Structure formats: structure tokens, C-alpha cells
Amino acid sequence: MEKWADYCVSKLNFDKSGNWIDKVMVHEDLGTSISKGVVRDRKWMIAQSLILKTFCSITKKDGSYQKYSDFKRQNGLFSWGIALPNILTKRNVFVSFHHGEPEVDADCGQRWKEKFEKLFAGRYDTISTKSVQDGDIGDGIKTETIRQKIRDNHIADATVTIVLIGPETWKRKHVDWEISSSIIDTKNNKRCGLLGIFLPTHNDFGKAKFNQYTIPPRLYYNFKSGFAKLYHWNEDPDVVHQWIEDAFQRRSKEEIDDSYPRFGKNRSDESIGWEPHKKEES
């Protein structure tokens, strides 16, 4: 392809005044392709322009970058003719999922968790999958103590929790506990943002409507309250990164709903859906 410029800019942030570029995500134009984006500051950009390096703005459409316009610099100010997305901050992500049986099931939750890590590992400061296992939490412990132990020991430092929604995820007590623990403030950690991603193995994947009784009930009630959002599996890192940033921003703006009774045990394999606010065994 014809070279667009020395550097292509796909994202940028302004300084606190909103008038000056603070940072840019730049890709080197290699002629036949563009490089992976790196973040540079305004000083670097000015230094490059002084040695006559050229810049253009690019946008992504249908998975590929396209040139939009050239950057111009007059009287110390850059102009580029299009509103570019912000450079998003890396967040600490906790992934809640139903493991399944990876030894016999290639489509189980464990496999999708591994795929998520492989696709997006470089996008976040940390991706934690230290999920709660049988024996991690002793019997007879008060609900509030359980929540605090999970939040501080398993989800420590996370700012956003992602629930990978497979066909059996709603039945798992540990997923319910992880969601409940994610959305509370503790002495050591503030609440997490929350979102759910339908996996291709779920019956409602790709559909505009879904059966609320086949997703984790606590996730559904927080979706209903506006605290959580639901999406369908997507392998575009920019798209998923935006979902995570939106969840992070919602965590201090929307009300949580933790009213559903805590699961005392897993639902049976024969169960076809949870019931609204049915009293749980503890």
C-alpha cells in the first residue's frame, strides 16, 4: 500500500486544559503495513515534526485501519480533522468463570478463560483468574466474612470483574460469591466494575434477547440496575478494552443490587434456570 505518513495516530489524550495534546498512540508506517501502537508524549511529537516527520490520523473500520487526514502544525498547535478515541488506562481485571472439565470438554469455561488471557493479556496491568475453589472457604462462616475474604484474597487489587457466561455458569456457587464479593467495598479494596460476556457456547449467544434465568442471577440484577452491562464474545482488543473502561467508570456512578440470596450450594445439572429471589440454603 502507499505510505500514508511517517507515523499514524489512532488515539490521543488531551491535557487537563483540554486544549493541548498530552499523549498519542502512534504506529510507524512501514509502507506495506503499520506497526503496533506505542504511546508517546507531546514533546516527542513536536521533536519529530521539527525534523520534518509527518503524521496522519487513522481510524479502524471492519477490523482494518484507514487513513483519515494529515496532521498539520501551525503556531504551535496540531490539527487533524477527526475526533480520535482516547488512550484508555490499563485496568486490573478479575475473570469469573465456570471451569468445567477441560480434560474432556474443549469448549468448557476453562478453555475460554485461557483464550481470553491469550487474546488480551497485554491490554491490562493484570488479569487475575484466582477463582474460588471447594475448600477455600470453610463452612459456618458468616456471609460478610466470606465476601471480605474473597474480595481481599482472591480479587485483591481488581478494579473490574468480567463474568464469562457459559451454559452452566449460573449454577455455580463460587461464581455467585465472586460477583457478590466484587461489588462491595472492603477496608482494603473498593468495589469492582462489573460486566458479563456471553460465550459462543451459551444458547443466547449472538441474540438480541436472552433468557435471564440462564445467566448468574446476581449479574442479571446488576444488569437490571444499570451497574453491569452484558456483551457477546468479541476478539477485538479495542472493543473489549472499551467495555472494561466503561465498567470501571460505572462503578462509582450506578447503584449495585446485591439483594439476591447467596448461593449455599451449586444448582443441580438438571436445573433449567434460577427462580426470582427464592430463599437459598446456606
Protein backbone atom coordinates (compact mmCIF):
# COMPACT_ATOMS: atom_id res chain seq x y z
CA MET A 1 0.00 0.00 0.00
CA GLU A 2 1.07 3.60 -0.48
CA LYS A 3 2.77 5.05 2.57
CA TRP A 4 0.42 7.43 4.41
CA ALA A 5 2.95 9.22 6.63
CA ASP A 6 5.96 8.51 8.83
CA TYR A 7 3.64 7.99 11.81
CA CYS A 8 -0.05 7.21 12.10
CA VAL A 9 -2.07 8.34 15.14
CA SER A 10 -5.00 6.15 16.20
CA LYS A 11 -5.75 7.55 19.69
CA LEU A 12 -4.85 10.55 21.81
CA ASN A 13 -5.40 12.24 25.14
CA PHE A 14 -5.56 15.94 25.93
CA ASP A 15 -4.03 17.65 28.95
CA LYS A 16 -6.15 18.97 31.81
CA SER A 17 -6.94 22.20 29.94
CA GLY A 18 -8.42 20.23 27.05
CA ASN A 19 -6.52 22.39 24.56
CA TRP A 20 -3.19 20.60 24.12
CA ILE A 21 -2.33 17.06 23.11
CA ASP A 22 -0.85 15.20 26.07
CA LYS A 23 -0.21 11.72 24.65
CA VAL A 24 -0.71 9.95 21.33
CA MET A 25 -0.91 6.32 20.29
CA VAL A 26 1.38 6.18 17.26
CA HIS A 27 2.06 3.46 14.71
CA GLU A 28 5.04 3.59 12.40
CA ASP A 29 4.01 3.44 8.75
CA LEU A 30 6.13 0.64 7.26
CA GLY A 31 4.79 1.09 3.75
CA THR A 32 3.14 -2.32 3.42
CA SER A 33 1.74 -2.29 6.96
CA ILE A 34 1.70 -0.27 10.16
CA SER A 35 3.43 -1.24 13.37
CA LYS A 36 1.88 -1.98 16.74
CA GLY A 37 0.88 1.22 18.53
CA VAL A 38 3.07 2.79 21.22
CA VAL A 39 2.27 5.75 23.47
CA ARG A 40 4.33 8.93 23.02
CA ASP A 41 4.01 12.35 24.62
CA ARG A 42 3.60 15.81 23.11
CA LYS A 43 7.31 16.65 23.41
CA TRP A 44 8.21 13.64 21.31
CA MET A 45 5.64 14.56 18.69
CA ILE A 46 6.94 18.15 18.45
CA ALA A 47 10.53 16.90 18.20
CA GLN A 48 9.58 14.61 15.33
CA SER A 49 7.73 17.36 13.48
CA LEU A 50 10.78 19.65 13.80
CA ILE A 51 12.84 17.10 11.86
CA LEU A 52 10.08 17.02 9.25
CA LYS A 53 8.50 13.70 10.20
CA THR A 54 4.90 13.52 9.02
CA PHE A 55 1.77 12.37 10.87
CA CYS A 56 -1.72 11.32 9.84
CA SER A 57 -4.83 10.27 11.72
CA ILE A 58 -6.19 6.75 11.21
CA THR A 59 -9.46 5.07 12.15
CA LYS A 60 -10.39 1.40 12.33
CA LYS A 61 -13.21 0.08 10.14
CA ASP A 62 -14.16 -3.58 9.74
CA GLY A 63 -11.01 -4.57 11.62
CA SER A 64 -8.59 -2.60 9.42
CA TYR A 65 -7.06 0.85 9.75
CA GLN A 66 -7.82 3.53 7.19
CA LYS A 67 -6.22 6.94 6.76
CA TYR A 68 -8.45 9.88 7.60
CA SER A 69 -6.37 13.07 7.29
CA ASP A 70 -2.88 14.53 7.68
CA PHE A 71 -1.77 16.27 10.86
CA LYS A 72 -0.85 19.93 10.41
CA ARG A 73 1.04 22.17 12.84
CA GLN A 74 0.64 25.93 12.85
CA ASN A 75 1.57 28.38 15.62
CA GLY A 76 2.44 25.51 17.93
CA LEU A 77 -0.93 23.77 17.53
CA PHE A 78 -1.68 20.46 15.82
CA SER A 79 -4.87 19.90 13.81
CA TRP A 80 -6.05 16.61 12.30
CA GLY A 81 -9.71 16.86 11.29
CA ILE A 82 -11.32 13.99 13.22
CA ALA A 83 -12.26 13.14 16.81
CA LEU A 84 -9.97 10.26 17.79
CA PRO A 85 -10.72 7.87 20.68
CA ASN A 86 -8.93 8.26 23.99
CA ILE A 87 -5.95 6.19 25.05
CA LEU A 88 -7.52 4.00 27.70
CA THR A 89 -5.93 3.35 31.06
CA LYS A 90 -4.94 -0.23 31.83
CA ARG A 91 -7.17 -1.81 34.48
CA ASN A 92 -6.73 -4.78 36.79
CA VAL A 93 -9.21 -7.42 35.65
CA PHE A 94 -10.63 -10.40 37.54
CA VAL A 95 -12.25 -13.14 35.42
CA SER A 96 -15.04 -15.21 36.98
CA PHE A 97 -15.99 -18.40 35.13
CA HIS A 98 -17.18 -21.99 35.49
CA HIS A 99 -14.18 -24.29 34.99
CA GLY A 100 -15.99 -27.32 33.62
CA GLU A 101 -13.88 -30.33 32.66
CA PRO A 102 -11.05 -29.26 30.34
CA GLU A 103 -9.76 -32.84 30.11
CA VAL A 104 -12.89 -33.97 28.23
CA ASP A 105 -14.58 -30.76 27.06
CA ALA A 106 -12.72 -28.48 24.63
CA ASP A 107 -15.46 -25.85 24.97
CA CYS A 108 -15.57 -25.63 28.77
CA GLY A 109 -15.17 -22.38 30.67
CA GLN A 110 -11.51 -23.10 31.48
CA ARG A 111 -10.69 -23.13 27.76
CA TRP A 112 -12.49 -19.83 27.15
CA LYS A 113 -10.72 -18.26 30.13
CA GLU A 114 -7.37 -19.33 28.65
CA LYS A 115 -8.37 -17.89 25.28
CA PHE A 116 -9.36 -14.60 26.92
CA GLU A 117 -5.97 -14.40 28.64
CA LYS A 118 -4.13 -15.12 25.41
CA LEU A 119 -6.07 -12.51 23.42
CA PHE A 120 -6.00 -9.67 25.93
CA ALA A 121 -3.11 -10.25 28.36
CA GLY A 122 -1.09 -7.26 27.13
CA ARG A 123 -4.01 -4.87 27.44
CA TYR A 124 -4.36 -4.81 31.22
CA ASP A 125 -2.00 -4.36 34.13
CA THR A 126 -3.11 -7.74 35.49
CA ILE A 127 -5.64 -10.42 34.58
CA SER A 128 -6.44 -12.47 37.67
CA THR A 129 -8.20 -15.82 37.50
CA LYS A 130 -7.57 -16.90 41.07
CA SER A 131 -11.13 -18.12 41.37
CA VAL A 132 -12.61 -19.65 44.50
CA GLN A 133 -12.36 -23.44 44.74
CA ASP A 134 -14.01 -26.02 47.01
CA GLY A 135 -12.24 -25.94 50.37
CA ASP A 136 -11.04 -22.34 50.05
CA ILE A 137 -13.87 -21.10 52.28
CA GLY A 138 -14.70 -23.00 55.45
CA ASP A 139 -18.22 -23.98 56.48
CA GLY A 140 -20.17 -21.95 59.01
CA ILE A 141 -18.56 -18.61 58.18
CA LYS A 142 -20.76 -15.52 58.14
CA THR A 143 -21.72 -14.17 54.73
CA GLU A 144 -19.98 -10.83 55.27
CA THR A 145 -16.75 -12.61 56.28
CA ILE A 146 -16.90 -14.81 53.17
CA ARG A 147 -17.34 -11.78 50.95
CA GLN A 148 -14.45 -9.94 52.53
CA LYS A 149 -12.13 -12.97 52.33
CA ILE A 150 -12.89 -13.45 48.63
CA ARG A 151 -12.56 -9.73 47.86
CA ASP A 152 -9.24 -9.35 49.69
CA ASN A 153 -7.67 -12.76 48.97
CA HIS A 154 -8.92 -13.70 45.50
CA ILE A 155 -9.96 -10.45 43.85
CA ALA A 156 -7.43 -8.17 45.57
CA ASP A 157 -6.48 -5.06 43.54
CA ALA A 158 -9.01 -5.83 40.78
CA THR A 159 -10.98 -2.85 39.51
CA VAL A 160 -13.23 -4.67 37.02
CA THR A 161 -14.76 -8.17 37.17
CA ILE A 162 -15.67 -9.98 33.96
CA VAL A 163 -18.06 -12.93 34.11
CA LEU A 164 -17.67 -15.38 31.21
CA ILE A 165 -21.20 -16.68 30.70
CA GLY A 166 -21.43 -20.26 29.52
CA PRO A 167 -24.49 -22.54 29.70
CA GLU A 168 -23.67 -23.79 33.23
CA THR A 169 -22.16 -20.64 34.76
CA TRP A 170 -25.35 -19.53 36.51
CA LYS A 171 -25.41 -22.76 38.56
CA ARG A 172 -22.04 -22.26 40.30
CA LYS A 173 -21.99 -21.01 43.88
CA HIS A 174 -18.43 -19.74 43.56
CA VAL A 175 -19.36 -17.53 40.59
CA ASP A 176 -22.22 -16.11 42.67
CA TRP A 177 -19.85 -15.49 45.59
CA GLU A 178 -17.25 -13.85 43.34
CA ILE A 179 -19.81 -11.45 41.86
CA SER A 180 -21.17 -10.56 45.29
CA SER A 181 -17.66 -10.00 46.66
CA SER A 182 -16.63 -7.94 43.64
CA ILE A 183 -19.29 -5.29 44.05
CA ILE A 184 -18.70 -4.42 47.71
CA ASP A 185 -16.25 -2.03 49.31
CA THR A 186 -13.93 -3.51 51.92
CA LYS A 187 -11.33 -1.95 54.16
CA ASN A 188 -8.59 -2.86 51.69
CA ASN A 189 -10.34 -2.66 48.30
CA LYS A 190 -13.05 -0.64 46.62
CA ARG A 191 -15.81 -2.28 44.60
CA CYS A 192 -15.14 -3.52 41.08
CA GLY A 193 -16.95 -2.56 37.93
CA LEU A 194 -18.93 -5.48 36.50
CA LEU A 195 -19.71 -6.87 33.06
CA GLY A 196 -20.71 -10.20 31.56
CA ILE A 197 -19.71 -11.74 28.24
CA PHE A 198 -21.88 -14.41 26.60
CA LEU A 199 -19.66 -17.20 25.30
CA PRO A 200 -20.43 -18.85 21.95
CA THR A 201 -21.42 -21.98 23.92
CA HIS A 202 -24.40 -20.20 25.53
CA ASN A 203 -27.80 -20.69 23.89
CA ASP A 204 -28.38 -16.93 23.72
CA PHE A 205 -25.03 -16.01 22.21
CA GLY A 206 -25.49 -13.50 19.38
CA LYS A 207 -29.17 -12.95 20.13
CA ALA A 208 -30.77 -9.57 20.85
CA LYS A 209 -32.77 -11.05 23.74
CA PHE A 210 -31.67 -13.54 26.37
CA ASN A 211 -33.20 -15.81 28.98
CA GLN A 212 -32.41 -14.06 32.25
CA TYR A 213 -32.74 -17.31 34.19
CA THR A 214 -29.71 -18.85 32.46
CA ILE A 215 -27.20 -16.20 33.48
CA PRO A 216 -25.96 -15.71 37.07
CA PRO A 217 -28.85 -14.09 38.98
CA ARG A 218 -26.66 -11.54 40.77
CA LEU A 219 -25.22 -10.48 37.42
CA TYR A 220 -28.73 -10.13 35.99
CA TYR A 221 -29.99 -7.95 38.85
CA ASN A 222 -26.99 -5.66 38.47
CA PHE A 223 -27.59 -5.51 34.73
CA LYS A 224 -31.16 -4.52 35.52
CA SER A 225 -29.99 -1.80 37.93
CA GLY A 226 -27.57 -0.36 35.36
CA PHE A 227 -24.43 -1.28 37.29
CA ALA A 228 -23.43 -4.10 34.90
CA LYS A 229 -23.55 -4.48 31.13
CA LEU A 230 -23.81 -7.63 29.03
CA TYR A 231 -22.00 -8.29 25.76
CA HIS A 232 -21.28 -11.11 23.34
CA TRP A 233 -17.83 -12.65 22.88
CA ASN A 234 -15.62 -10.40 20.77
CA GLU A 235 -11.95 -10.84 19.91
CA ASP A 236 -11.21 -7.21 19.05
CA PRO A 237 -8.98 -5.91 21.89
CA ASP A 238 -10.09 -2.30 21.35
CA VAL A 239 -13.75 -3.24 21.72
CA VAL A 240 -13.24 -5.29 24.89
CA HIS A 241 -10.93 -2.64 26.35
CA GLN A 242 -13.72 -0.07 25.96
CA TRP A 243 -16.20 -2.40 27.70
CA ILE A 244 -13.79 -2.64 30.63
CA GLU A 245 -13.23 1.10 30.80
CA ASP A 246 -16.99 1.72 30.75
CA ALA A 247 -17.47 -0.76 33.62
CA PHE A 248 -14.73 0.97 35.61
CA GLN A 249 -16.42 4.34 35.16
CA ARG A 250 -19.84 2.94 36.17
CA ARG A 251 -18.59 1.51 39.46
CA SER A 252 -18.89 4.86 41.23
CA LYS A 253 -21.94 6.15 39.36
CA GLU A 254 -24.53 3.35 39.43
CA GLU A 255 -26.22 1.55 42.32
CA ILE A 256 -25.41 -2.11 42.94
CA ASP A 257 -28.08 -4.73 43.61
CA ASP A 258 -26.82 -7.41 45.99
CA SER A 259 -30.28 -8.40 47.21
CA TYR A 260 -30.39 -11.92 45.74
CA PRO A 261 -29.85 -14.56 48.46
CA ARG A 262 -26.35 -16.01 48.41
CA PHE A 263 -25.96 -19.46 46.87
CA GLY A 264 -25.34 -22.08 49.53
CA LYS A 265 -24.56 -24.83 47.01
CA ASN A 266 -24.31 -25.41 43.28
CA ARG A 267 -27.52 -25.92 41.34
CA SER A 268 -28.07 -29.44 40.04
CA ASP A 269 -27.23 -30.42 36.48
CA GLU A 270 -30.96 -30.94 35.86
CA SER A 271 -31.86 -27.33 36.81
CA ILE A 272 -33.07 -25.28 33.85
CA GLY A 273 -32.98 -21.84 35.47
CA TRP A 274 -32.92 -19.94 38.75
CA GLU A 275 -36.02 -18.51 40.40
CA PRO A 276 -36.50 -14.84 41.39
CA HIS A 277 -35.42 -14.30 45.00
CA LYS A 278 -36.04 -17.88 46.00
CA LYS A 279 -34.71 -18.40 49.54
CA GLU A 280 -31.34 -20.14 49.28
CA GLU A 281 -29.97 -22.83 51.52
CA SER A 282 -26.92 -21.66 53.45
